[in-house]
Amino acid sequence: MRAISALLLLTAAVPATAQTAPKIEEASIADLRAMMADGTASSEAITQAYLARIAAMDRTGPTLRSVIATNPDALAQAKAADARRKAGKSLGPLDGVPVLVKDNIETKDPIATTAGSLALKDNVTLRDAPMVAVLRAGGAVILGKTNLSEWANIRSNNSVSGWSAVGGQVRNPYAFDRTPCGSSSGTGAAIAASFAAVGIGTETDGSVVCPSSINGLVGLKPTIGMVSRTHVVPISHSQDTPGPMARSVTDAAILFSQMIASDPADPATRDADLFKRDYAADLPRATLNGVRVAVYRPAMNADLTKAFDAALAVLKAQGAVLVDVEKPKLDGIGAAEFAVLLTELKADLNSYLATTPPAVKTRTLADVIAFNEANAAAEMPYFGQETFLAAEKTNGLTDPEYLGARAKSLRLAGKEGIDAMLAKAGAQILVEPSYGPGWLIDHVYGDQYNGPSSSELPAVSGYPNLTVPMGLVRGLPVGLSFIGRAHSETTLLGAGYVYEQASKARVAPRYLPSADVGPGMDGTR
């Protein structure tokens, strides 16, 4: 028996006065800008509508638990945007547009940045991460903070994606019993549910791409160094990056364009300003005609194979020249990557915690470990902290074993991995399934997934990875990854846009209690 429609739940939960609010469900940035431009709705009214939708669906109704906190300053920011528009001083395409930010990214608003952990419940820094500062300079309304897999899913190998002690368990809008994937699970679920037009996630390995794919979104894990990581709760300076998450390639490109900026405090971004441009402007002129595309076919079940083959047929129909490639044997890459993440986690997290306000008592990774042990009932009801314990035993950034692991993983992922696959095909773009459909949420055994994943090689090499909706498999979203060499975002976004416009593959969520695998829900009609 199917669930009561979420629209009925929303109607029942929202006061009658809100029934005339702007139509924000599935609204794009262009839709919101058009409302503001023609006077149909102000930024204040749009922001209020999103806040009402969150109130009706995030802790009641479908109970997605995707938003940890809404911003008490959001309406004031929206009013300021309206005043600028009235004065003819708009700041750009994001002026007045509400944006949700993952709760491991600092904002100067009076709300904590927790990374989902009670150890950081008092981490009210009143400072913007430079990436947030450039969004704010473009007029974006910082609507609130999204839930996440606690500590960005690095505390334990047996973790449950989307769970944090602060925010609870994020639910997938397509099927409440299925994972929203981590660690940017809250951003994924919130944008899929139209709690904002766009949102920010962060990725170390898969945490933008996976929740985007599994929640039916476009997500871009950018080239490392395009977006600042300062004042973002870290895992790894080698692999961490914020990235845009949206319901269309155009909206992801608009948001990404505003995020790029060099930051003196983050040496990796030294050349970022050289790549700052309007990545959405050229999308309508993008083409795949005659473009060689490397195709990697991982082991996958019949349903995902069918969806992938259909996506390849769309690319071919748009003129792409498809060339099958195999993934080279990259023995030891997983172990080398993990050694890098453990060492950098300790070093980078200790550096970050040292800058937090005095109210935060956990000043080192060792302090966080002790906090978790002292508060085990709240912090560790489902899984432990064995990854934290392993990281605490590492020997720092000058350790020869760490340096060797970083050199090895970088070589295998880049020169011998993606570079070799692209060279063999004579291509600039590599495509493969992003992930399979979402697995069941399991608080007993943790995440249970053995399907394909496109994230490791781009994550380790620092190369970009764009996922675009590929339709539904048994009622659950799956994505198609477009991968390229460093700073190939223009090429990837263009290819993703052409595919998106031709396939029309994205399907909006229906807020079902479980996956609907009946006729027509697997994309067959």
Protein backbone atom coordinates (compact mmCIF):
# COMPACT_ATOMS: atom_id res chain seq x y z
CA MET A 1 0.00 0.00 0.00
CA ARG A 2 1.47 3.35 -1.00
CA ALA A 3 2.20 6.17 1.40
CA ILE A 4 -0.08 9.17 1.70
CA SER A 5 1.20 11.77 -0.72
CA ALA A 6 3.74 14.16 0.75
CA LEU A 7 1.75 16.98 -0.80
CA LEU A 8 -1.22 16.04 1.39
CA LEU A 9 1.04 15.92 4.41
CA LEU A 10 2.44 19.33 3.53
CA THR A 11 -1.00 20.84 2.97
CA ALA A 12 -2.17 19.59 6.33
CA ALA A 13 0.91 20.89 8.11
CA VAL A 14 1.16 24.39 6.65
CA PRO A 15 -1.18 27.17 7.84
CA ALA A 16 -3.79 28.38 5.35
CA THR A 17 -1.95 31.68 4.88
CA ALA A 18 1.01 29.79 3.48
CA GLN A 19 -1.05 28.18 0.72
CA THR A 20 -0.48 31.29 -1.44
CA ALA A 21 3.28 31.14 -0.98
CA PRO A 22 5.51 31.04 -4.08
CA LYS A 23 5.75 27.67 -5.83
CA ILE A 24 9.19 26.47 -4.83
CA GLU A 25 8.89 22.72 -5.33
CA GLU A 26 11.32 21.75 -8.13
CA ALA A 27 11.99 25.47 -8.79
CA SER A 28 15.29 26.28 -10.49
CA ILE A 29 17.50 29.31 -9.91
CA ALA A 30 16.08 30.76 -13.14
CA ASP A 31 12.53 30.20 -11.84
CA LEU A 32 13.32 32.00 -8.58
CA ARG A 33 15.05 34.86 -10.37
CA ALA A 34 12.08 35.26 -12.70
CA MET A 35 9.69 35.47 -9.73
CA MET A 36 11.85 38.16 -8.14
CA ALA A 37 12.34 40.05 -11.41
CA ASP A 38 8.65 40.28 -12.34
CA GLY A 39 7.46 40.90 -8.78
CA THR A 40 5.62 37.59 -8.47
CA ALA A 41 7.56 36.89 -5.29
CA SER A 42 10.27 38.61 -3.28
CA SER A 43 13.38 36.89 -1.94
CA GLU A 44 11.81 37.28 1.50
CA ALA A 45 8.66 35.42 0.39
CA ILE A 46 10.71 32.71 -1.32
CA THR A 47 12.90 32.27 1.75
CA GLN A 48 9.85 32.08 3.99
CA ALA A 49 8.34 29.44 1.70
CA TYR A 50 11.45 27.28 1.97
CA LEU A 51 11.47 27.67 5.76
CA ALA A 52 7.81 26.62 5.85
CA ARG A 53 8.51 23.60 3.66
CA ILE A 54 11.39 22.55 5.91
CA ALA A 55 9.19 22.94 8.99
CA ALA A 56 6.45 20.85 7.39
CA MET A 57 8.59 18.02 6.04
CA ASP A 58 11.90 17.75 7.86
CA ARG A 59 10.84 17.01 11.44
CA THR A 60 7.19 16.23 10.67
CA GLY A 61 5.51 14.70 7.62
CA PRO A 62 8.16 12.63 5.81
CA THR A 63 10.63 13.45 8.65
CA LEU A 64 13.68 13.61 6.42
CA ARG A 65 15.95 15.06 9.16
CA SER A 66 18.08 16.66 6.45
CA VAL A 67 18.48 20.11 8.03
CA ILE A 68 20.27 20.48 11.37
CA ALA A 69 19.49 24.18 11.80
CA THR A 70 17.83 26.97 9.88
CA ASN A 71 19.51 30.35 9.97
CA PRO A 72 17.85 32.99 12.18
CA ASP A 73 19.36 35.64 9.89
CA ALA A 74 17.98 34.17 6.64
CA LEU A 75 14.99 36.49 6.33
CA ALA A 76 17.14 39.53 7.05
CA GLN A 77 19.51 38.46 4.26
CA ALA A 78 16.54 38.03 1.92
CA LYS A 79 15.18 41.48 2.77
CA ALA A 80 18.59 42.98 1.99
CA ALA A 81 18.56 41.24 -1.39
CA ASP A 82 15.10 42.67 -2.11
CA ALA A 83 16.34 46.14 -1.24
CA ARG A 84 19.29 45.76 -3.61
CA ARG A 85 17.04 44.60 -6.40
CA LYS A 86 14.68 47.51 -5.86
CA ALA A 87 17.67 49.87 -6.04
CA GLY A 88 18.96 48.25 -9.23
CA LYS A 89 22.09 46.93 -7.49
CA SER A 90 21.72 43.17 -7.82
CA LEU A 91 24.93 41.26 -7.06
CA GLY A 92 24.50 38.49 -9.61
CA PRO A 93 22.62 35.28 -10.43
CA LEU A 94 22.53 34.07 -6.82
CA ASP A 95 21.35 37.35 -5.29
CA GLY A 96 18.36 36.54 -3.11
CA VAL A 97 18.54 32.78 -3.82
CA PRO A 98 18.45 30.58 -0.68
CA VAL A 99 21.34 28.11 -0.38
CA LEU A 100 21.78 25.29 2.15
CA VAL A 101 25.29 24.58 3.48
CA LYS A 102 26.59 21.32 4.95
CA ASP A 103 27.18 21.52 8.69
CA ASN A 104 30.92 21.04 8.51
CA ILE A 105 31.31 24.42 6.80
CA GLU A 106 31.48 27.54 8.97
CA THR A 107 29.22 30.53 8.49
CA LYS A 108 29.26 33.77 10.45
CA ASP A 109 25.60 33.33 11.31
CA PRO A 110 24.76 32.64 14.98
CA ILE A 111 24.57 28.85 14.57
CA ALA A 112 27.12 26.16 15.43
CA THR A 113 29.23 24.23 12.94
CA THR A 114 29.06 20.73 14.40
CA ALA A 115 30.13 18.18 11.76
CA GLY A 116 27.22 16.28 13.33
CA SER A 117 29.10 15.72 16.61
CA LEU A 118 28.01 16.78 20.08
CA ALA A 119 31.68 17.56 20.73
CA LEU A 120 31.22 20.63 18.50
CA LYS A 121 27.75 21.70 19.67
CA ASP A 122 29.24 24.98 20.97
CA ASN A 123 31.34 25.67 17.87
CA VAL A 124 29.76 29.02 17.05
CA THR A 125 32.70 30.69 15.33
CA LEU A 126 30.88 33.72 13.85
CA ARG A 127 33.20 33.53 10.85
CA ASP A 128 32.50 32.62 7.25
CA ALA A 129 34.51 29.98 5.47
CA PRO A 130 36.01 31.91 2.51
CA MET A 131 33.85 29.78 0.20
CA VAL A 132 30.74 30.96 2.06
CA ALA A 133 32.04 34.53 2.02
CA VAL A 134 32.17 34.56 -1.79
CA LEU A 135 28.64 33.14 -1.93
CA ARG A 136 27.48 35.86 0.43
CA ALA A 137 29.29 38.48 -1.65
CA GLY A 138 27.18 37.29 -4.57
CA GLY A 139 24.00 37.83 -2.58
CA ALA A 140 23.18 34.21 -1.74
CA VAL A 141 20.86 33.77 1.26
CA ILE A 142 22.44 31.28 3.67
CA LEU A 143 19.28 29.40 4.60
CA GLY A 144 20.70 26.93 7.10
CA LYS A 145 22.95 23.94 7.78
CA THR A 146 22.35 20.42 6.54
CA ASN A 147 22.77 17.17 8.43
CA LEU A 148 25.57 14.80 7.47
CA SER A 149 27.24 11.54 8.28
CA GLU A 150 28.99 12.47 11.53
CA TRP A 151 32.58 13.69 11.08
CA ALA A 152 31.96 13.31 7.32
CA ASN A 153 31.84 9.51 7.67
CA ILE A 154 35.46 9.09 8.83
CA ARG A 155 34.91 7.96 12.45
CA SER A 156 34.27 4.28 11.68
CA ASN A 157 34.38 1.79 8.82
CA ASN A 158 31.09 0.39 10.15
CA SER A 159 29.22 3.68 10.06
CA VAL A 160 25.64 4.34 8.96
CA SER A 161 25.57 6.93 6.18
CA GLY A 162 23.44 9.94 7.05
CA TRP A 163 23.50 9.45 10.83
CA SER A 164 24.85 12.01 13.27
CA ALA A 165 24.44 12.45 17.00
CA VAL A 166 23.30 16.04 16.46
CA GLY A 167 20.88 15.52 13.58
CA GLY A 168 19.80 11.88 13.74
CA GLN A 169 19.23 9.75 10.63
CA VAL A 170 18.71 11.46 7.27
CA ARG A 171 16.07 9.75 5.11
CA ASN A 172 16.06 9.39 1.34
CA PRO A 173 13.10 11.31 -0.20
CA TYR A 174 12.60 8.55 -2.77
CA ALA A 175 12.27 5.77 -0.18
CA PHE A 176 12.55 6.46 3.53
CA ASP A 177 14.14 3.09 4.31
CA ARG A 178 16.96 3.61 1.80
CA THR A 179 20.24 5.37 2.45
CA PRO A 180 20.70 9.01 1.40
CA CYS A 181 24.42 8.11 1.20
CA GLY A 182 27.15 10.02 2.94
CA SER A 183 28.55 12.18 4.03
CA SER A 184 26.68 15.06 2.35
CA SER A 185 23.46 13.14 2.97
CA GLY A 186 21.54 16.09 4.37
CA THR A 187 22.35 18.30 1.40
CA GLY A 188 21.37 15.51 -0.96
CA ALA A 189 18.02 14.81 0.69
CA ALA A 190 17.24 18.50 1.24
CA ILE A 191 17.84 19.60 -2.35
CA ALA A 192 15.96 16.58 -3.71
CA ALA A 193 13.04 17.59 -1.46
CA SER A 194 13.17 21.22 -2.65
CA PHE A 195 14.21 22.69 0.70
CA ALA A 196 16.37 25.06 -1.39
CA ALA A 197 17.22 25.37 -5.06
CA VAL A 198 20.86 24.40 -4.49
CA GLY A 199 23.18 23.31 -1.70
CA ILE A 200 26.80 22.76 -0.77
CA GLY A 201 28.30 19.38 0.07
CA THR A 202 31.88 18.34 0.72
CA GLU A 203 33.78 15.35 -0.60
CA THR A 204 36.88 13.45 0.42
CA ASP A 205 35.97 10.29 -1.50
CA GLY A 206 32.37 10.04 -2.75
CA SER A 207 30.59 12.41 -0.39
CA VAL A 208 29.28 14.76 -3.09
CA VAL A 209 28.97 12.20 -5.88
CA CYS A 210 27.24 9.42 -3.91
CA PRO A 211 24.48 11.46 -2.19
CA SER A 212 23.88 13.33 -5.44
CA SER A 213 23.53 10.11 -7.43
CA ILE A 214 21.38 8.34 -4.83
CA ASN A 215 19.10 11.36 -4.28
CA GLY A 216 18.55 12.07 -7.98
CA LEU A 217 20.74 15.18 -8.19
CA VAL A 218 23.53 16.72 -10.21
CA GLY A 219 26.68 16.92 -8.09
CA LEU A 220 30.15 18.18 -8.95
CA LYS A 221 33.27 17.15 -7.08
CA PRO A 222 35.61 19.85 -8.44
CA THR A 223 39.32 19.74 -9.14
CA ILE A 224 41.18 20.07 -5.86
CA GLY A 225 42.20 23.71 -5.44
CA MET A 226 39.24 25.29 -7.21
CA VAL A 227 37.32 25.89 -3.97
CA SER A 228 38.73 26.93 -0.60
CA ARG A 229 38.67 24.50 2.35
CA THR A 230 39.55 27.03 5.06
CA HIS A 231 37.16 26.85 8.04
CA VAL A 232 35.73 23.56 6.80
CA VAL A 233 36.01 20.74 9.37
CA PRO A 234 38.68 18.63 7.64
CA ILE A 235 39.61 15.07 6.87
CA SER A 236 42.33 15.41 4.25
CA HIS A 237 43.99 18.42 2.65
CA SER A 238 44.94 16.16 -0.26
CA GLN A 239 41.35 15.19 -1.11
CA ASP A 240 38.81 17.47 0.66
CA THR A 241 36.75 19.90 -1.39
CA PRO A 242 33.32 21.53 -1.20
CA GLY A 243 31.13 21.01 -4.24
CA PRO A 244 27.74 22.15 -5.60
CA MET A 245 24.63 19.93 -5.49
CA ALA A 246 21.52 20.82 -7.51
CA ARG A 247 18.61 19.43 -9.50
CA SER A 248 20.09 20.48 -12.86
CA VAL A 249 23.47 20.92 -14.50
CA THR A 250 22.74 24.60 -15.07
CA ASP A 251 22.05 25.27 -11.40
CA ALA A 252 25.15 23.31 -10.34
CA ALA A 253 27.22 25.37 -12.81
CA ILE A 254 25.80 28.67 -11.53
CA LEU A 255 26.60 27.74 -7.93
CA PHE A 256 30.05 26.38 -8.79
CA SER A 257 30.93 29.58 -10.65
CA GLN A 258 30.29 31.60 -7.51
CA MET A 259 32.24 29.22 -5.22
CA ILE A 260 35.60 29.54 -6.98
CA ALA A 261 38.18 31.86 -5.45
CA SER A 262 41.83 31.84 -4.46
CA ASP A 263 42.38 31.84 -0.71
CA PRO A 264 45.78 32.79 0.77
CA ALA A 265 45.09 30.49 3.73
CA ASP A 266 44.66 27.46 1.43
CA PRO A 267 47.78 27.04 -0.76
CA ALA A 268 46.00 24.54 -3.03
CA THR A 269 43.80 27.38 -4.33
CA ARG A 270 46.70 29.59 -5.42
CA ASP A 271 45.62 29.48 -9.08
CA ALA A 272 41.86 29.21 -8.55
CA ASP A 273 41.16 32.74 -9.75
CA LEU A 274 42.62 31.79 -13.13
CA PHE A 275 39.72 29.39 -13.59
CA LYS A 276 36.96 31.66 -12.30
CA ARG A 277 34.33 32.16 -15.01
CA ASP A 278 30.62 31.75 -15.72
CA TYR A 279 30.45 27.99 -16.24
CA ALA A 280 26.73 28.14 -17.04
CA ALA A 281 27.02 30.61 -19.91
CA ASP A 282 28.35 28.17 -22.51
CA LEU A 283 26.10 25.24 -21.64
CA PRO A 284 23.43 25.92 -24.29
CA ARG A 285 26.15 25.75 -26.98
CA ALA A 286 27.73 22.52 -25.71
CA THR A 287 27.90 19.55 -28.07
CA LEU A 288 28.99 15.93 -28.02
CA ASN A 289 29.09 15.61 -31.80
CA GLY A 290 32.32 13.84 -32.69
CA VAL A 291 33.56 13.87 -29.08
CA ARG A 292 35.40 10.69 -28.06
CA VAL A 293 34.19 9.33 -24.74
CA ALA A 294 35.91 6.54 -22.82
CA VAL A 295 33.39 4.07 -21.36
CA TYR A 296 34.18 1.96 -18.30
CA ARG A 297 31.74 -0.86 -17.53
CA PRO A 298 32.21 -2.05 -13.93
CA ALA A 299 30.62 -5.22 -12.58
CA MET A 300 26.96 -4.41 -11.93
CA ASN A 301 23.57 -6.07 -11.79
CA ALA A 302 21.19 -6.37 -14.75
CA ASP A 303 18.98 -3.42 -13.75
CA LEU A 304 21.89 -0.99 -13.47
CA THR A 305 23.42 -2.37 -16.67
CA LYS A 306 20.15 -1.63 -18.49
CA ALA A 307 20.10 1.95 -17.20
CA PHE A 308 23.76 2.47 -18.12
CA ASP A 309 23.26 1.06 -21.62
CA ALA A 310 20.31 3.43 -22.11
CA ALA A 311 22.47 6.37 -21.03
CA LEU A 312 25.22 5.34 -23.46
CA ALA A 313 22.62 5.17 -26.24
CA VAL A 314 21.66 8.78 -25.46
CA LEU A 315 25.32 9.88 -25.63
CA LYS A 316 25.76 8.06 -28.94
CA ALA A 317 22.59 9.63 -30.35
CA GLN A 318 24.06 13.03 -29.52
CA GLY A 319 27.09 12.25 -31.67
CA ALA A 320 29.53 10.97 -29.06
CA VAL A 321 32.08 8.37 -30.19
CA LEU A 322 32.09 5.71 -27.46
CA VAL A 323 35.27 3.73 -26.79
CA ASP A 324 35.24 0.94 -24.21
CA VAL A 325 38.19 0.85 -21.80
CA GLU A 326 39.22 -1.34 -18.88
CA LYS A 327 40.40 -0.06 -15.54
CA PRO A 328 44.11 -0.84 -15.13
CA LYS A 329 45.22 -3.02 -12.23
CA LEU A 330 46.00 -0.50 -9.50
CA ASP A 331 47.19 -2.81 -6.75
CA GLY A 332 47.42 -1.16 -3.35
CA ILE A 333 45.58 2.06 -4.13
CA GLY A 334 42.93 1.52 -1.44
CA ALA A 335 45.47 0.85 1.32
CA ALA A 336 47.61 3.78 0.23
CA GLU A 337 44.65 6.15 0.16
CA PHE A 338 43.53 5.02 3.61
CA ALA A 339 47.02 5.57 5.04
CA VAL A 340 46.97 9.11 3.68
CA LEU A 341 43.52 9.83 5.10
CA LEU A 342 44.46 8.54 8.57
CA THR A 343 47.61 10.67 8.77
CA GLU A 344 46.02 13.82 7.39
CA LEU A 345 42.91 13.40 9.56
CA LYS A 346 44.94 13.66 12.75
CA ALA A 347 47.12 16.54 11.52
CA ASP A 348 44.38 18.55 9.85
CA LEU A 349 41.71 18.05 12.50
CA ASN A 350 44.13 19.04 15.27
CA SER A 351 44.97 22.21 13.36
CA TYR A 352 41.29 23.03 12.85
CA LEU A 353 40.23 22.35 16.44
CA ALA A 354 42.97 24.66 17.71
CA THR A 355 41.16 27.57 16.00
CA THR A 356 37.71 26.94 17.48
CA PRO A 357 36.17 29.12 20.23
CA PRO A 358 37.07 28.51 23.90
CA ALA A 359 33.63 27.01 24.46
CA VAL A 360 34.78 24.01 22.40
CA LYS A 361 36.67 21.79 24.86
CA THR A 362 37.82 19.16 22.37
CA ARG A 363 41.05 20.71 21.08
CA THR A 364 42.62 17.60 19.51
CA LEU A 365 41.59 14.29 17.94
CA ALA A 366 42.58 12.63 21.21
CA ASP A 367 40.12 14.91 23.03
CA VAL A 368 37.35 13.95 20.59
CA ILE A 369 38.07 10.26 21.15
CA ALA A 370 37.84 10.78 24.92
CA PHE A 371 34.61 12.77 24.49
CA ASN A 372 33.06 9.96 22.48
CA GLU A 373 34.02 7.40 25.10
CA ALA A 374 32.57 9.56 27.87
CA ASN A 375 29.38 10.11 25.88
CA ALA A 376 29.12 6.71 24.23
CA ALA A 377 25.35 6.32 24.68
CA ALA A 378 24.70 9.46 22.60
CA GLU A 379 27.70 9.34 20.27
CA MET A 380 28.23 5.65 19.65
CA PRO A 381 24.87 3.84 19.85
CA TYR A 382 25.34 2.16 16.44
CA PHE A 383 29.05 2.14 15.60
CA GLY A 384 32.38 2.92 17.21
CA GLN A 385 35.42 5.04 16.39
CA GLU A 386 38.07 2.59 15.25
CA THR A 387 39.13 4.87 12.38
CA PHE A 388 39.70 7.73 14.81
CA LEU A 389 41.77 5.40 17.01
CA ALA A 390 43.88 4.34 14.02
CA ALA A 391 44.40 7.96 12.98
CA GLU A 392 45.54 8.93 16.47
CA LYS A 393 48.40 6.41 16.16
CA THR A 394 49.83 7.98 13.00
CA ASN A 395 53.18 9.79 13.01
CA GLY A 396 52.58 13.07 11.21
CA LEU A 397 53.02 14.63 7.81
CA THR A 398 56.78 14.03 7.67
CA ASP A 399 56.44 10.28 8.22
CA PRO A 400 58.14 8.47 5.29
CA GLU A 401 55.37 5.86 5.18
CA TYR A 402 52.77 8.61 4.77
CA LEU A 403 54.79 10.40 2.09
CA GLY A 404 55.26 7.15 0.20
CA ALA A 405 51.56 6.31 0.43
CA ARG A 406 50.59 9.73 -0.92
CA ALA A 407 53.00 9.48 -3.86
CA LYS A 408 51.82 5.95 -4.65
CA SER A 409 48.09 6.70 -4.45
CA LEU A 410 48.45 9.88 -6.54
CA ARG A 411 50.42 8.04 -9.24
CA LEU A 412 48.00 5.10 -9.39
CA ALA A 413 44.85 7.27 -9.50
CA GLY A 414 46.15 9.85 -11.95
CA LYS A 415 48.95 8.86 -14.33
CA GLU A 416 48.30 5.11 -14.24
CA GLY A 417 44.54 5.39 -13.69
CA ILE A 418 42.37 8.09 -15.24
CA ASP A 419 45.13 9.49 -17.48
CA ALA A 420 45.89 6.04 -18.88
CA MET A 421 42.22 5.21 -19.51
CA LEU A 422 41.63 8.50 -21.32
CA ALA A 423 44.82 8.17 -23.35
CA LYS A 424 43.95 4.64 -24.47
CA ALA A 425 40.59 5.87 -25.77
CA GLY A 426 41.97 9.12 -27.16
CA ALA A 427 39.30 10.84 -25.08
CA GLN A 428 38.87 13.79 -22.74
CA ILE A 429 35.87 12.33 -20.90
CA LEU A 430 35.42 9.06 -19.03
CA VAL A 431 31.90 7.87 -18.21
CA GLU A 432 30.73 5.15 -15.83
CA PRO A 433 27.85 4.60 -13.40
CA SER A 434 28.30 6.85 -10.35
CA TYR A 435 26.87 4.31 -7.88
CA GLY A 436 24.09 1.76 -7.81
CA PRO A 437 20.70 2.49 -6.21
CA GLY A 438 20.49 3.23 -2.49
CA TRP A 439 20.89 0.34 -0.07
CA LEU A 440 18.73 -0.23 3.01
CA ILE A 441 19.51 1.86 6.09
CA ASP A 442 20.83 -0.61 8.68
CA HIS A 443 21.69 0.48 12.21
CA VAL A 444 22.74 -3.07 13.13
CA TYR A 445 25.32 -3.91 10.46
CA GLY A 446 26.05 -0.43 9.09
CA ASP A 447 26.34 0.43 5.40
CA GLN A 448 25.97 -2.65 3.19
CA TYR A 449 27.02 -1.87 -0.38
CA ASN A 450 29.15 -3.83 -2.82
CA GLY A 451 28.16 -2.15 -6.08
CA PRO A 452 30.11 0.10 -8.43
CA SER A 453 31.51 3.46 -7.37
CA SER A 454 33.08 6.12 -9.58
CA SER A 455 34.58 8.16 -6.78
CA GLU A 456 37.97 6.71 -5.80
CA LEU A 457 40.19 7.63 -8.75
CA PRO A 458 38.93 11.24 -9.13
CA ALA A 459 39.05 11.71 -5.35
CA VAL A 460 42.63 10.51 -4.94
CA SER A 461 43.95 12.20 -8.10
CA GLY A 462 42.16 15.46 -7.33
CA TYR A 463 40.36 15.35 -10.70
CA PRO A 464 36.74 16.47 -11.21
CA ASN A 465 33.76 14.09 -11.16
CA LEU A 466 30.31 15.21 -12.30
CA THR A 467 27.28 12.99 -11.65
CA VAL A 468 24.04 13.55 -13.59
CA PRO A 469 20.73 11.70 -13.00
CA MET A 470 20.46 8.53 -15.11
CA GLY A 471 16.85 7.73 -14.14
CA LEU A 472 15.40 5.21 -11.72
CA VAL A 473 16.29 1.60 -11.05
CA ARG A 474 13.37 -0.07 -9.27
CA GLY A 475 12.14 3.30 -8.10
CA LEU A 476 15.54 4.49 -6.83
CA PRO A 477 17.78 7.11 -8.51
CA VAL A 478 21.11 6.30 -10.12
CA GLY A 479 23.64 8.63 -11.69
CA LEU A 480 26.05 8.80 -14.62
CA SER A 481 29.57 10.08 -13.89
CA PHE A 482 31.55 12.30 -16.27
CA ILE A 483 35.22 12.29 -15.23
CA GLY A 484 38.17 14.19 -16.70
CA ARG A 485 41.64 15.49 -15.98
CA ALA A 486 42.30 18.45 -13.66
CA HIS A 487 40.43 21.65 -14.55
CA SER A 488 38.23 19.99 -17.16
CA GLU A 489 35.02 21.24 -15.52
CA THR A 490 33.96 23.15 -18.64
CA THR A 491 34.13 19.98 -20.72
CA LEU A 492 32.39 17.82 -18.12
CA LEU A 493 29.58 20.27 -17.43
CA GLY A 494 28.98 20.69 -21.16
CA ALA A 495 28.81 16.93 -21.70
CA GLY A 496 26.59 16.49 -18.67
CA TYR A 497 24.28 19.22 -19.89
CA VAL A 498 23.91 17.68 -23.35
CA TYR A 499 23.12 14.31 -21.78
CA GLU A 500 20.68 15.83 -19.30
CA GLN A 501 18.77 17.77 -21.94
CA ALA A 502 18.53 14.76 -24.25
CA SER A 503 17.70 12.14 -21.63
CA LYS A 504 15.31 14.07 -19.35
CA ALA A 505 16.16 11.26 -16.93
CA ARG A 506 15.62 12.93 -13.57
CA VAL A 507 12.40 11.99 -11.76
CA ALA A 508 11.20 13.99 -8.74
CA PRO A 509 10.82 12.14 -5.41
CA ARG A 510 7.44 10.83 -4.25
CA TYR A 511 8.26 10.40 -0.53
CA LEU A 512 7.42 6.71 -0.29
CA PRO A 513 8.08 4.63 2.85
CA SER A 514 9.93 2.04 0.73
CA ALA A 515 11.02 1.63 -2.87
CA ASP A 516 8.15 1.17 -5.31
CA VAL A 517 9.23 -1.56 -7.71
CA GLY A 518 5.91 -1.83 -9.51
CA PRO A 519 5.35 -1.39 -13.27
CA GLY A 520 6.69 1.82 -14.67
CA MET A 521 8.89 2.75 -11.73
CA ASP A 522 12.08 1.22 -13.15
CA GLY A 523 12.14 3.52 -16.16
CA THR A 524 10.68 0.93 -18.54
CA ARG A 525 7.63 2.98 -19.51
